[in-house]
Amino acid sequence: MRLEDLSAADRRDYNGLPTLLRELLDAELAAGNQIAGVQHAYPAAPIGASFLLTGPVATRPRQTDGELRFFERNSSLYSGEFTVAPRHFFILEPPLPDAGAYPDMDALRAASPPPPPRSPFAAMMAIDYEKWHDGIGYDLSQIPLMTPEERKDLEAELIRKLRDDGDWRDVEALLELDTPTALAAAEKARGHHSPEVRNYVEQQIPVAPAEREAQAISAIERAAIRSGIGHAVELAINCNTRDVRRAVLNQARTASDSTTRVHMAALLYYLCGKSKEAFDWDHRPYFLRFNDDNTADFRAAWTELRDVLKDFEATRR
């Protein structure tokens, strides 16, 4: 189709082409290319139009040049597009001969890596939505029926799952296996990235008071509002010692994010018996003074919190 073959509506679209696109179209028509159709759908905006050619552009390189932008495509609709901002009008090249062909699925499958082998314990470890929702673990009744080799393989799979991601069910199964390697892996999960896993280990594997204090202090020092603050609060409440309280006080002053400082101030207030819960909303205006650590009000609030701790320590002697 030449210019003289355009309908009145298509001619209006031609007249509306940005100068660079109209010049490109004129050059292609002069070189023998033709218009296959004028479209008002993708990629053009409703207020624009696309001129689809019968052959590829031959009068200029198929590349971006200043304001005239080129994009290589390979769809069943077209193979290349020339446009200018704001991308309302396009000169399109026809689709490539094989653009709409169905892929050779046998070739794709042959080139793809084989799927990982199905775990021999998949049925035992299957968790559907109901089991997940109700907090039901793996089918541990299968473990006593396993051979020593199967138990060893299960142990390795549980350790690998717990290392890569895993959840509390893997710890539960390791404790059920009750081998030195399994118990060591469960113990190591005290430092797991998931608070749920750490809490489960805390509940199932009690530690000595001295270890509990060190653990609480470590959790407090690592606490951040997006990870682990709830776990740190729980450990501090369950191990309310002098050194734990001092670690909380220090975090209320030095934590890098303001929300953690606020929560640490609230926690220390609770540990010192000044509030009825770990974040007592009755004292929220005071806790919020720990938001900005570059103000005189923050320094005054922290000094007050330090004095609260000193008074508390004095009454406990």
C-alpha atoms as a PDB file:
ATOM      1  CA  MET A   1       0.000   0.000   0.000  1.00  0.00           C
ATOM      2  CA  ARG A   2       1.331   3.425  -1.074  1.00  0.00           C
ATOM      3  CA  LEU A   3       0.416   6.844   0.302  1.00  0.00           C
ATOM      4  CA  GLU A   4      -2.175   7.331  -2.390  1.00  0.00           C
ATOM      5  CA  ASP A   5      -3.897   4.139  -1.252  1.00  0.00           C
ATOM      6  CA  LEU A   6      -4.446   5.364   2.318  1.00  0.00           C
ATOM      7  CA  SER A   7      -7.950   6.059   3.512  1.00  0.00           C
ATOM      8  CA  ALA A   8      -8.862   9.518   4.738  1.00  0.00           C
ATOM      9  CA  ALA A   9      -8.508   8.339   8.358  1.00  0.00           C
ATOM     10  CA  ASP A  10      -5.097   6.728   7.647  1.00  0.00           C
ATOM     11  CA  ARG A  11      -3.994   9.882   5.864  1.00  0.00           C
ATOM     12  CA  ARG A  12      -4.811  11.894   9.007  1.00  0.00           C
ATOM     13  CA  ASP A  13      -2.613   9.508  10.978  1.00  0.00           C
ATOM     14  CA  TYR A  14       0.153   9.984   8.411  1.00  0.00           C
ATOM     15  CA  ASN A  15      -0.132  13.759   8.751  1.00  0.00           C
ATOM     16  CA  GLY A  16       0.039  13.347  12.537  1.00  0.00           C
ATOM     17  CA  LEU A  17       3.340  11.442  12.436  1.00  0.00           C
ATOM     18  CA  PRO A  18       6.245  13.212  14.169  1.00  0.00           C
ATOM     19  CA  THR A  19       8.614  14.683  11.586  1.00  0.00           C
ATOM     20  CA  LEU A  20      11.387  12.078  12.056  1.00  0.00           C
ATOM     21  CA  LEU A  21       8.964   9.168  11.628  1.00  0.00           C
ATOM     22  CA  ARG A  22       7.253  10.723   8.598  1.00  0.00           C
ATOM     23  CA  GLU A  23      10.638  11.302   6.950  1.00  0.00           C
ATOM     24  CA  LEU A  24      11.591   7.670   7.626  1.00  0.00           C
ATOM     25  CA  LEU A  25       8.319   6.407   6.166  1.00  0.00           C
ATOM     26  CA  ASP A  26       8.663   8.609   3.072  1.00  0.00           C
ATOM     27  CA  ALA A  27      12.208   7.347   2.504  1.00  0.00           C
ATOM     28  CA  GLU A  28      11.116   3.709   2.789  1.00  0.00           C
ATOM     29  CA  LEU A  29       8.209   4.198   0.381  1.00  0.00           C
ATOM     30  CA  ALA A  30      10.518   5.947  -2.089  1.00  0.00           C
ATOM     31  CA  ALA A  31      12.910   2.956  -1.859  1.00  0.00           C
ATOM     32  CA  GLY A  32      10.154   0.502  -2.720  1.00  0.00           C
ATOM     33  CA  ASN A  33       8.909  -0.575   0.708  1.00  0.00           C
ATOM     34  CA  GLN A  34       5.163  -0.485   1.268  1.00  0.00           C
ATOM     35  CA  ILE A  35       2.648  -0.048   4.069  1.00  0.00           C
ATOM     36  CA  ALA A  36       1.089  -3.327   5.197  1.00  0.00           C
ATOM     37  CA  GLY A  37      -1.413  -1.584   7.446  1.00  0.00           C
ATOM     38  CA  VAL A  38      -2.130   1.271   9.819  1.00  0.00           C
ATOM     39  CA  GLN A  39      -2.839   0.092  13.374  1.00  0.00           C
ATOM     40  CA  HIS A  40      -4.227   1.729  16.473  1.00  0.00           C
ATOM     41  CA  ALA A  41      -3.357  -0.968  19.011  1.00  0.00           C
ATOM     42  CA  TYR A  42      -0.187  -2.110  20.774  1.00  0.00           C
ATOM     43  CA  PRO A  43       2.466  -0.736  20.738  1.00  0.00           C
ATOM     44  CA  ALA A  44       0.849   2.573  19.819  1.00  0.00           C
ATOM     45  CA  ALA A  45      -1.150   4.578  22.334  1.00  0.00           C
ATOM     46  CA  PRO A  46      -4.874   5.126  21.547  1.00  0.00           C
ATOM     47  CA  ILE A  47      -4.068   8.691  20.531  1.00  0.00           C
ATOM     48  CA  GLY A  48      -1.308   7.533  18.120  1.00  0.00           C
ATOM     49  CA  ALA A  49      -0.830   4.988  15.333  1.00  0.00           C
ATOM     50  CA  SER A  50       1.602   2.404  14.001  1.00  0.00           C
ATOM     51  CA  PHE A  51       2.554   2.097  10.320  1.00  0.00           C
ATOM     52  CA  LEU A  52       3.505  -1.541   9.654  1.00  0.00           C
ATOM     53  CA  LEU A  53       5.797  -1.993   6.655  1.00  0.00           C
ATOM     54  CA  THR A  54       5.858  -4.981   4.304  1.00  0.00           C
ATOM     55  CA  GLY A  55       9.648  -5.263   4.540  1.00  0.00           C
ATOM     56  CA  PRO A  56      12.456  -4.340   6.938  1.00  0.00           C
ATOM     57  CA  VAL A  57      13.805  -0.792   6.978  1.00  0.00           C
ATOM     58  CA  ALA A  58      16.586  -0.429   4.398  1.00  0.00           C
ATOM     59  CA  THR A  59      17.195   3.318   4.150  1.00  0.00           C
ATOM     60  CA  ARG A  60      18.897   3.759   7.523  1.00  0.00           C
ATOM     61  CA  PRO A  61      20.669   1.599  10.128  1.00  0.00           C
ATOM     62  CA  ARG A  62      18.405  -0.314  12.475  1.00  0.00           C
ATOM     63  CA  GLN A  63      19.724   1.512  15.527  1.00  0.00           C
ATOM     64  CA  THR A  64      18.952   4.489  17.738  1.00  0.00           C
ATOM     65  CA  ASP A  65      20.081   7.851  16.368  1.00  0.00           C
ATOM     66  CA  GLY A  66      19.394  10.872  18.566  1.00  0.00           C
ATOM     67  CA  GLU A  67      15.663  11.347  19.124  1.00  0.00           C
ATOM     68  CA  LEU A  68      14.782   8.523  16.732  1.00  0.00           C
ATOM     69  CA  ARG A  69      14.770   5.397  18.865  1.00  0.00           C
ATOM     70  CA  PHE A  70      15.033   1.816  17.600  1.00  0.00           C
ATOM     71  CA  PHE A  71      14.100  -1.357  19.489  1.00  0.00           C
ATOM     72  CA  GLU A  72      14.757  -4.897  18.287  1.00  0.00           C
ATOM     73  CA  ARG A  73      11.735  -7.166  18.728  1.00  0.00           C
ATOM     74  CA  ASN A  74      10.859 -10.701  17.730  1.00  0.00           C
ATOM     75  CA  SER A  75       7.143 -11.170  18.208  1.00  0.00           C
ATOM     76  CA  SER A  76       4.409 -12.496  16.003  1.00  0.00           C
ATOM     77  CA  LEU A  77       3.268  -8.868  15.490  1.00  0.00           C
ATOM     78  CA  TYR A  78       6.462  -7.147  14.360  1.00  0.00           C
ATOM     79  CA  SER A  79      10.249  -7.494  14.462  1.00  0.00           C
ATOM     80  CA  GLY A  80      11.502  -3.959  15.062  1.00  0.00           C
ATOM     81  CA  GLU A  81      10.150  -0.545  15.974  1.00  0.00           C
ATOM     82  CA  PHE A  82      11.196   3.014  15.300  1.00  0.00           C
ATOM     83  CA  THR A  83       9.643   5.659  17.520  1.00  0.00           C
ATOM     84  CA  VAL A  84      10.186   9.016  19.194  1.00  0.00           C
ATOM     85  CA  ALA A  85       9.137  10.276  22.599  1.00  0.00           C
ATOM     86  CA  PRO A  86       6.512  10.093  23.996  1.00  0.00           C
ATOM     87  CA  ARG A  87       6.052   6.807  22.050  1.00  0.00           C
ATOM     88  CA  HIS A  88       2.616   7.471  20.579  1.00  0.00           C
ATOM     89  CA  PHE A  89       3.559   6.769  16.921  1.00  0.00           C
ATOM     90  CA  PHE A  90       5.644   3.919  15.457  1.00  0.00           C
ATOM     91  CA  ILE A  91       7.110   2.659  12.193  1.00  0.00           C
ATOM     92  CA  LEU A  92       7.103  -1.125  12.504  1.00  0.00           C
ATOM     93  CA  GLU A  93       8.942  -3.823  10.569  1.00  0.00           C
ATOM     94  CA  PRO A  94       7.108  -7.044   9.685  1.00  0.00           C
ATOM     95  CA  PRO A  95       7.536 -10.085  11.951  1.00  0.00           C
ATOM     96  CA  LEU A  96      10.349 -12.502  11.206  1.00  0.00           C
ATOM     97  CA  PRO A  97       9.372 -15.669   9.299  1.00  0.00           C
ATOM     98  CA  ASP A  98       9.682 -17.913  12.368  1.00  0.00           C
ATOM     99  CA  ALA A  99       8.416 -15.413  14.979  1.00  0.00           C
ATOM    100  CA  GLY A 100       5.087 -17.144  15.476  1.00  0.00           C
ATOM    101  CA  ALA A 101       6.397 -20.698  15.374  1.00  0.00           C
ATOM    102  CA  TYR A 102       5.778 -22.939  18.319  1.00  0.00           C
ATOM    103  CA  PRO A 103       8.963 -23.828  20.220  1.00  0.00           C
ATOM    104  CA  ASP A 104      10.347 -27.333  19.938  1.00  0.00           C
ATOM    105  CA  MET A 105       9.437 -28.615  23.388  1.00  0.00           C
ATOM    106  CA  ASP A 106      11.513 -31.775  22.970  1.00  0.00           C
ATOM    107  CA  ALA A 107      14.582 -29.638  22.249  1.00  0.00           C
ATOM    108  CA  LEU A 108      13.820 -27.378  25.216  1.00  0.00           C
ATOM    109  CA  ARG A 109      13.452 -30.356  27.529  1.00  0.00           C
ATOM    110  CA  ALA A 110      16.685 -31.866  26.234  1.00  0.00           C
ATOM    111  CA  ALA A 111      18.544 -28.614  26.879  1.00  0.00           C
ATOM    112  CA  SER A 112      17.093 -28.114  30.372  1.00  0.00           C
ATOM    113  CA  PRO A 113      18.826 -29.562  33.409  1.00  0.00           C
ATOM    114  CA  PRO A 114      17.044 -32.565  34.893  1.00  0.00           C
ATOM    115  CA  PRO A 115      14.767 -31.830  37.834  1.00  0.00           C
ATOM    116  CA  PRO A 116      16.219 -32.571  41.253  1.00  0.00           C
ATOM    117  CA  PRO A 117      15.504 -36.107  42.391  1.00  0.00           C
ATOM    118  CA  ARG A 118      12.411 -36.506  44.519  1.00  0.00           C
ATOM    119  CA  SER A 119      13.260 -36.878  48.173  1.00  0.00           C
ATOM    120  CA  PRO A 120      12.586 -40.386  49.504  1.00  0.00           C
ATOM    121  CA  PHE A 121      11.130 -38.631  52.556  1.00  0.00           C
ATOM    122  CA  ALA A 122       8.748 -36.382  50.587  1.00  0.00           C
ATOM    123  CA  ALA A 123       5.619 -38.130  51.868  1.00  0.00           C
ATOM    124  CA  MET A 124       6.799 -38.003  55.476  1.00  0.00           C
ATOM    125  CA  MET A 125       7.693 -34.300  55.187  1.00  0.00           C
ATOM    126  CA  ALA A 126       4.660 -33.192  53.143  1.00  0.00           C
ATOM    127  CA  ILE A 127       2.970 -30.107  54.638  1.00  0.00           C
ATOM    128  CA  ASP A 128      -0.284 -28.887  53.145  1.00  0.00           C
ATOM    129  CA  TYR A 129      -2.073 -25.665  54.024  1.00  0.00           C
ATOM    130  CA  GLU A 130      -4.081 -27.256  56.847  1.00  0.00           C
ATOM    131  CA  LYS A 131      -0.978 -28.712  58.521  1.00  0.00           C
ATOM    132  CA  TRP A 132       0.887 -25.433  58.101  1.00  0.00           C
ATOM    133  CA  HIS A 133      -2.051 -23.453  59.509  1.00  0.00           C
ATOM    134  CA  ASP A 134      -2.526 -25.754  62.491  1.00  0.00           C
ATOM    135  CA  GLY A 135       1.196 -26.047  63.301  1.00  0.00           C
ATOM    136  CA  ILE A 136       1.400 -29.777  62.584  1.00  0.00           C
ATOM    137  CA  GLY A 137       4.886 -31.194  62.075  1.00  0.00           C
ATOM    138  CA  TYR A 138       6.271 -33.971  59.920  1.00  0.00           C
ATOM    139  CA  ASP A 139       5.037 -37.536  60.247  1.00  0.00           C
ATOM    140  CA  LEU A 140       7.668 -38.558  62.790  1.00  0.00           C
ATOM    141  CA  SER A 141       6.012 -41.949  63.302  1.00  0.00           C
ATOM    142  CA  GLN A 142       7.951 -43.080  60.217  1.00  0.00           C
ATOM    143  CA  ILE A 143      11.354 -42.613  61.859  1.00  0.00           C
ATOM    144  CA  PRO A 144      11.320 -45.746  64.069  1.00  0.00           C
ATOM    145  CA  LEU A 145      10.481 -47.808  60.960  1.00  0.00           C
ATOM    146  CA  MET A 146      13.561 -46.616  59.034  1.00  0.00           C
ATOM    147  CA  THR A 147      16.769 -48.534  58.500  1.00  0.00           C
ATOM    148  CA  PRO A 148      20.011 -47.028  59.866  1.00  0.00           C
ATOM    149  CA  GLU A 149      20.942 -45.947  56.333  1.00  0.00           C
ATOM    150  CA  GLU A 150      17.588 -44.220  55.849  1.00  0.00           C
ATOM    151  CA  ARG A 151      17.894 -42.437  59.183  1.00  0.00           C
ATOM    152  CA  LYS A 152      21.348 -41.202  58.166  1.00  0.00           C
ATOM    153  CA  ASP A 153      19.999 -39.926  54.835  1.00  0.00           C
ATOM    154  CA  LEU A 154      17.091 -38.210  56.592  1.00  0.00           C
ATOM    155  CA  GLU A 155      19.489 -36.563  59.026  1.00  0.00           C
ATOM    156  CA  ALA A 156      21.567 -35.163  56.136  1.00  0.00           C
ATOM    157  CA  GLU A 157      18.449 -33.858  54.356  1.00  0.00           C
ATOM    158  CA  LEU A 158      17.112 -32.161  57.484  1.00  0.00           C
ATOM    159  CA  ILE A 159      20.456 -30.478  58.159  1.00  0.00           C
ATOM    160  CA  ARG A 160      20.621 -29.295  54.554  1.00  0.00           C
ATOM    161  CA  LYS A 161      17.046 -27.944  54.678  1.00  0.00           C
ATOM    162  CA  LEU A 162      17.693 -26.129  57.926  1.00  0.00           C
ATOM    163  CA  ARG A 163      20.869 -24.589  56.524  1.00  0.00           C
ATOM    164  CA  ASP A 164      19.175 -23.394  53.310  1.00  0.00           C
ATOM    165  CA  ASP A 165      15.897 -22.253  54.869  1.00  0.00           C
ATOM    166  CA  GLY A 166      13.865 -24.760  56.836  1.00  0.00           C
ATOM    167  CA  ASP A 167      11.565 -24.243  59.798  1.00  0.00           C
ATOM    168  CA  TRP A 168      10.883 -25.588  63.279  1.00  0.00           C
ATOM    169  CA  ARG A 169       9.719 -28.950  61.883  1.00  0.00           C
ATOM    170  CA  ASP A 170      13.257 -29.744  60.786  1.00  0.00           C
ATOM    171  CA  VAL A 171      14.509 -29.104  64.314  1.00  0.00           C
ATOM    172  CA  GLU A 172      11.750 -31.290  65.737  1.00  0.00           C
ATOM    173  CA  ALA A 173      12.712 -34.139  63.410  1.00  0.00           C
ATOM    174  CA  LEU A 174      16.417 -33.785  64.255  1.00  0.00           C
ATOM    175  CA  LEU A 175      15.611 -34.030  67.955  1.00  0.00           C
ATOM    176  CA  GLU A 176      13.546 -37.131  67.229  1.00  0.00           C
ATOM    177  CA  LEU A 177      16.509 -38.740  65.434  1.00  0.00           C
ATOM    178  CA  ASP A 178      18.508 -38.115  68.631  1.00  0.00           C
ATOM    179  CA  THR A 179      21.983 -38.729  67.168  1.00  0.00           C
ATOM    180  CA  PRO A 180      25.033 -36.638  68.138  1.00  0.00           C
ATOM    181  CA  THR A 181      25.107 -35.043  64.664  1.00  0.00           C
ATOM    182  CA  ALA A 182      21.368 -34.317  64.700  1.00  0.00           C
ATOM    183  CA  LEU A 183      21.477 -32.818  68.192  1.00  0.00           C
ATOM    184  CA  ALA A 184      24.469 -30.647  67.242  1.00  0.00           C
ATOM    185  CA  ALA A 185      22.557 -29.339  64.215  1.00  0.00           C
ATOM    186  CA  ALA A 186      19.525 -28.573  66.376  1.00  0.00           C
ATOM    187  CA  GLU A 187      21.727 -26.734  68.858  1.00  0.00           C
ATOM    188  CA  LYS A 188      23.312 -24.741  66.026  1.00  0.00           C
ATOM    189  CA  ALA A 189      19.828 -23.594  65.004  1.00  0.00           C
ATOM    190  CA  ARG A 190      19.865 -21.216  68.015  1.00  0.00           C
ATOM    191  CA  GLY A 191      21.474 -18.801  65.560  1.00  0.00           C
ATOM    192  CA  HIS A 192      19.022 -19.473  62.706  1.00  0.00           C
ATOM    193  CA  HIS A 193      17.829 -16.461  60.709  1.00  0.00           C
ATOM    194  CA  SER A 194      14.187 -17.317  61.475  1.00  0.00           C
ATOM    195  CA  PRO A 195      12.886 -16.122  64.876  1.00  0.00           C
ATOM    196  CA  GLU A 196      10.371 -18.981  64.778  1.00  0.00           C
ATOM    197  CA  VAL A 197      13.173 -21.538  64.571  1.00  0.00           C
ATOM    198  CA  ARG A 198      15.194 -19.825  67.305  1.00  0.00           C
ATOM    199  CA  ASN A 199      12.182 -19.696  69.616  1.00  0.00           C
ATOM    200  CA  TYR A 200      11.453 -23.374  69.041  1.00  0.00           C
ATOM    201  CA  VAL A 201      15.030 -24.326  69.906  1.00  0.00           C
ATOM    202  CA  GLU A 202      14.819 -22.189  73.052  1.00  0.00           C
ATOM    203  CA  GLN A 203      11.684 -24.022  74.131  1.00  0.00           C
ATOM    204  CA  GLN A 204      12.976 -27.520  73.371  1.00  0.00           C
ATOM    205  CA  ILE A 205      16.635 -27.299  74.441  1.00  0.00           C
ATOM    206  CA  PRO A 206      17.052 -25.554  77.805  1.00  0.00           C
ATOM    207  CA  VAL A 207      20.389 -23.909  78.498  1.00  0.00           C
ATOM    208  CA  ALA A 208      22.295 -23.148  81.684  1.00  0.00           C
ATOM    209  CA  PRO A 209      21.572 -19.768  83.321  1.00  0.00           C
ATOM    210  CA  ALA A 210      25.007 -18.380  82.373  1.00  0.00           C
ATOM    211  CA  GLU A 211      24.529 -19.418  78.746  1.00  0.00           C
ATOM    212  CA  ARG A 212      21.013 -17.966  78.745  1.00  0.00           C
ATOM    213  CA  GLU A 213      22.329 -14.601  79.882  1.00  0.00           C
ATOM    214  CA  ALA A 214      25.016 -14.553  77.184  1.00  0.00           C
ATOM    215  CA  GLN A 215      22.421 -15.551  74.637  1.00  0.00           C
ATOM    216  CA  ALA A 216      20.039 -12.799  75.723  1.00  0.00           C
ATOM    217  CA  ILE A 217      22.775 -10.161  75.583  1.00  0.00           C
ATOM    218  CA  SER A 218      23.833 -11.319  72.110  1.00  0.00           C
ATOM    219  CA  ALA A 219      20.240 -11.162  70.852  1.00  0.00           C
ATOM    220  CA  ILE A 220      19.799  -7.674  72.328  1.00  0.00           C
ATOM    221  CA  GLU A 221      22.992  -6.432  70.689  1.00  0.00           C
ATOM    222  CA  ARG A 222      21.871  -7.809  67.302  1.00  0.00           C
ATOM    223  CA  ALA A 223      18.258  -6.665  67.626  1.00  0.00           C
ATOM    224  CA  ALA A 224      16.760  -4.593  64.825  1.00  0.00           C
ATOM    225  CA  ILE A 225      13.135  -3.753  64.218  1.00  0.00           C
ATOM    226  CA  ARG A 226      13.012  -5.807  61.001  1.00  0.00           C
ATOM    227  CA  SER A 227      14.716  -8.871  62.429  1.00  0.00           C
ATOM    228  CA  GLY A 228      14.947 -10.380  65.865  1.00  0.00           C
ATOM    229  CA  ILE A 229      13.637  -7.663  68.170  1.00  0.00           C
ATOM    230  CA  GLY A 230      10.747  -9.800  69.368  1.00  0.00           C
ATOM    231  CA  HIS A 231      13.119 -12.656  70.134  1.00  0.00           C
ATOM    232  CA  ALA A 232      15.475 -10.314  72.019  1.00  0.00           C
ATOM    233  CA  VAL A 233      12.603  -8.929  74.094  1.00  0.00           C
ATOM    234  CA  GLU A 234      11.451 -12.431  75.019  1.00  0.00           C
ATOM    235  CA  LEU A 235      14.956 -13.528  76.047  1.00  0.00           C
ATOM    236  CA  ALA A 236      15.503 -10.384  78.125  1.00  0.00           C
ATOM    237  CA  ILE A 237      12.220 -10.851  79.977  1.00  0.00           C
ATOM    238  CA  ASN A 238      13.118 -14.483  80.737  1.00  0.00           C
ATOM    239  CA  CYS A 239      16.636 -13.527  81.848  1.00  0.00           C
ATOM    240  CA  ASN A 240      16.249 -10.211  83.655  1.00  0.00           C
ATOM    241  CA  THR A 241      19.771  -9.894  85.030  1.00  0.00           C
ATOM    242  CA  ARG A 242      21.930  -6.861  85.717  1.00  0.00           C
ATOM    243  CA  ASP A 243      24.068  -7.365  82.599  1.00  0.00           C
ATOM    244  CA  VAL A 244      21.034  -7.962  80.410  1.00  0.00           C
ATOM    245  CA  ARG A 245      19.446  -4.720  81.623  1.00  0.00           C
ATOM    246  CA  ARG A 246      22.660  -2.827  80.932  1.00  0.00           C
ATOM    247  CA  ALA A 247      22.769  -4.252  77.408  1.00  0.00           C
ATOM    248  CA  VAL A 248      19.205  -3.029  76.857  1.00  0.00           C
ATOM    249  CA  LEU A 249      20.120   0.426  78.181  1.00  0.00           C
ATOM    250  CA  ASN A 250      23.065   0.571  75.811  1.00  0.00           C
ATOM    251  CA  GLN A 251      20.872  -0.366  72.840  1.00  0.00           C
ATOM    252  CA  ALA A 252      18.407   2.371  73.782  1.00  0.00           C
ATOM    253  CA  ARG A 253      21.271   4.817  73.206  1.00  0.00           C
ATOM    254  CA  THR A 254      23.311   3.274  70.383  1.00  0.00           C
ATOM    255  CA  ALA A 255      20.941   1.225  68.159  1.00  0.00           C
ATOM    256  CA  SER A 256      21.270   2.404  64.575  1.00  0.00           C
ATOM    257  CA  ASP A 257      17.536   2.700  63.903  1.00  0.00           C
ATOM    258  CA  SER A 258      15.216   4.839  65.972  1.00  0.00           C
ATOM    259  CA  THR A 259      12.423   2.267  66.275  1.00  0.00           C
ATOM    260  CA  THR A 260      14.761  -0.205  67.950  1.00  0.00           C
ATOM    261  CA  ARG A 261      15.878   2.481  70.410  1.00  0.00           C
ATOM    262  CA  VAL A 262      12.236   3.201  71.247  1.00  0.00           C
ATOM    263  CA  HIS A 263      11.521  -0.494  71.884  1.00  0.00           C
ATOM    264  CA  MET A 264      14.656  -0.921  73.980  1.00  0.00           C
ATOM    265  CA  ALA A 265      13.679   2.038  76.169  1.00  0.00           C
ATOM    266  CA  ALA A 266      10.226   0.525  76.630  1.00  0.00           C
ATOM    267  CA  LEU A 267      11.730  -2.881  77.433  1.00  0.00           C
ATOM    268  CA  LEU A 268      14.067  -1.469  80.087  1.00  0.00           C
ATOM    269  CA  TYR A 269      11.167   0.417  81.673  1.00  0.00           C
ATOM    270  CA  TYR A 270       9.362  -2.922  81.961  1.00  0.00           C
ATOM    271  CA  LEU A 271      12.418  -4.801  83.264  1.00  0.00           C
ATOM    272  CA  CYS A 272      12.788  -2.163  85.982  1.00  0.00           C
ATOM    273  CA  GLY A 273       9.165  -2.533  87.045  1.00  0.00           C
ATOM    274  CA  LYS A 274       8.128   0.910  85.782  1.00  0.00           C
ATOM    275  CA  SER A 275       5.494  -0.377  83.344  1.00  0.00           C
ATOM    276  CA  LYS A 276       3.085  -3.287  83.139  1.00  0.00           C
ATOM    277  CA  GLU A 277       4.186  -4.666  79.724  1.00  0.00           C
ATOM    278  CA  ALA A 278       7.173  -4.633  77.379  1.00  0.00           C
ATOM    279  CA  PHE A 279       5.711  -1.705  75.439  1.00  0.00           C
ATOM    280  CA  ASP A 280       3.313   0.128  77.726  1.00  0.00           C
ATOM    281  CA  TRP A 281       1.312   2.631  75.700  1.00  0.00           C
ATOM    282  CA  ASP A 282       0.697   4.682  78.820  1.00  0.00           C
ATOM    283  CA  HIS A 283       4.372   5.685  78.588  1.00  0.00           C
ATOM    284  CA  ARG A 284       4.556   5.938  74.795  1.00  0.00           C
ATOM    285  CA  PRO A 285       5.253   9.727  74.689  1.00  0.00           C
ATOM    286  CA  TYR A 286       8.368   9.131  76.792  1.00  0.00           C
ATOM    287  CA  PHE A 287       9.546   6.201  74.663  1.00  0.00           C
ATOM    288  CA  LEU A 288       9.154   8.255  71.479  1.00  0.00           C
ATOM    289  CA  ARG A 289      11.759  10.691  72.768  1.00  0.00           C
ATOM    290  CA  PHE A 290      14.307   8.033  71.712  1.00  0.00           C
ATOM    291  CA  ASN A 291      13.427   8.572  68.031  1.00  0.00           C
ATOM    292  CA  ASP A 292      16.083  11.176  67.262  1.00  0.00           C
ATOM    293  CA  ASP A 293      19.499  10.603  68.816  1.00  0.00           C
ATOM    294  CA  ASN A 294      20.809  14.033  67.781  1.00  0.00           C
ATOM    295  CA  THR A 295      18.624  16.112  70.058  1.00  0.00           C
ATOM    296  CA  ALA A 296      18.982  17.391  73.584  1.00  0.00           C
ATOM    297  CA  ASP A 297      15.604  15.808  74.360  1.00  0.00           C
ATOM    298  CA  PHE A 298      16.947  12.365  73.425  1.00  0.00           C
ATOM    299  CA  ARG A 299      19.987  12.806  75.660  1.00  0.00           C
ATOM    300  CA  ALA A 300      17.783  13.952  78.527  1.00  0.00           C
ATOM    301  CA  ALA A 301      15.455  10.960  78.012  1.00  0.00           C
ATOM    302  CA  TRP A 302      18.371   8.530  77.999  1.00  0.00           C
ATOM    303  CA  THR A 303      19.836  10.101  81.157  1.00  0.00           C
ATOM    304  CA  GLU A 304      16.449   9.665  82.811  1.00  0.00           C
ATOM    305  CA  LEU A 305      16.344   6.021  81.702  1.00  0.00           C
ATOM    306  CA  ARG A 306      19.851   5.453  83.071  1.00  0.00           C
ATOM    307  CA  ASP A 307      18.752   6.922  86.406  1.00  0.00           C
ATOM    308  CA  VAL A 308      15.710   4.633  86.432  1.00  0.00           C
ATOM    309  CA  LEU A 309      18.091   1.680  86.068  1.00  0.00           C
ATOM    310  CA  LYS A 310      20.386   3.009  88.813  1.00  0.00           C
ATOM    311  CA  ASP A 311      17.457   3.422  91.194  1.00  0.00           C
ATOM    312  CA  PHE A 312      16.216  -0.065  90.339  1.00  0.00           C
ATOM    313  CA  GLU A 313      19.650  -1.621  90.920  1.00  0.00           C
ATOM    314  CA  ALA A 314      19.945   0.216  94.249  1.00  0.00           C
ATOM    315  CA  THR A 315      16.649  -1.203  95.534  1.00  0.00           C
ATOM    316  CA  ARG A 316      17.728  -4.750  94.678  1.00  0.00           C
ATOM    317  CA  ARG A 317      20.832  -4.752  96.871  1.00  0.00           C
END
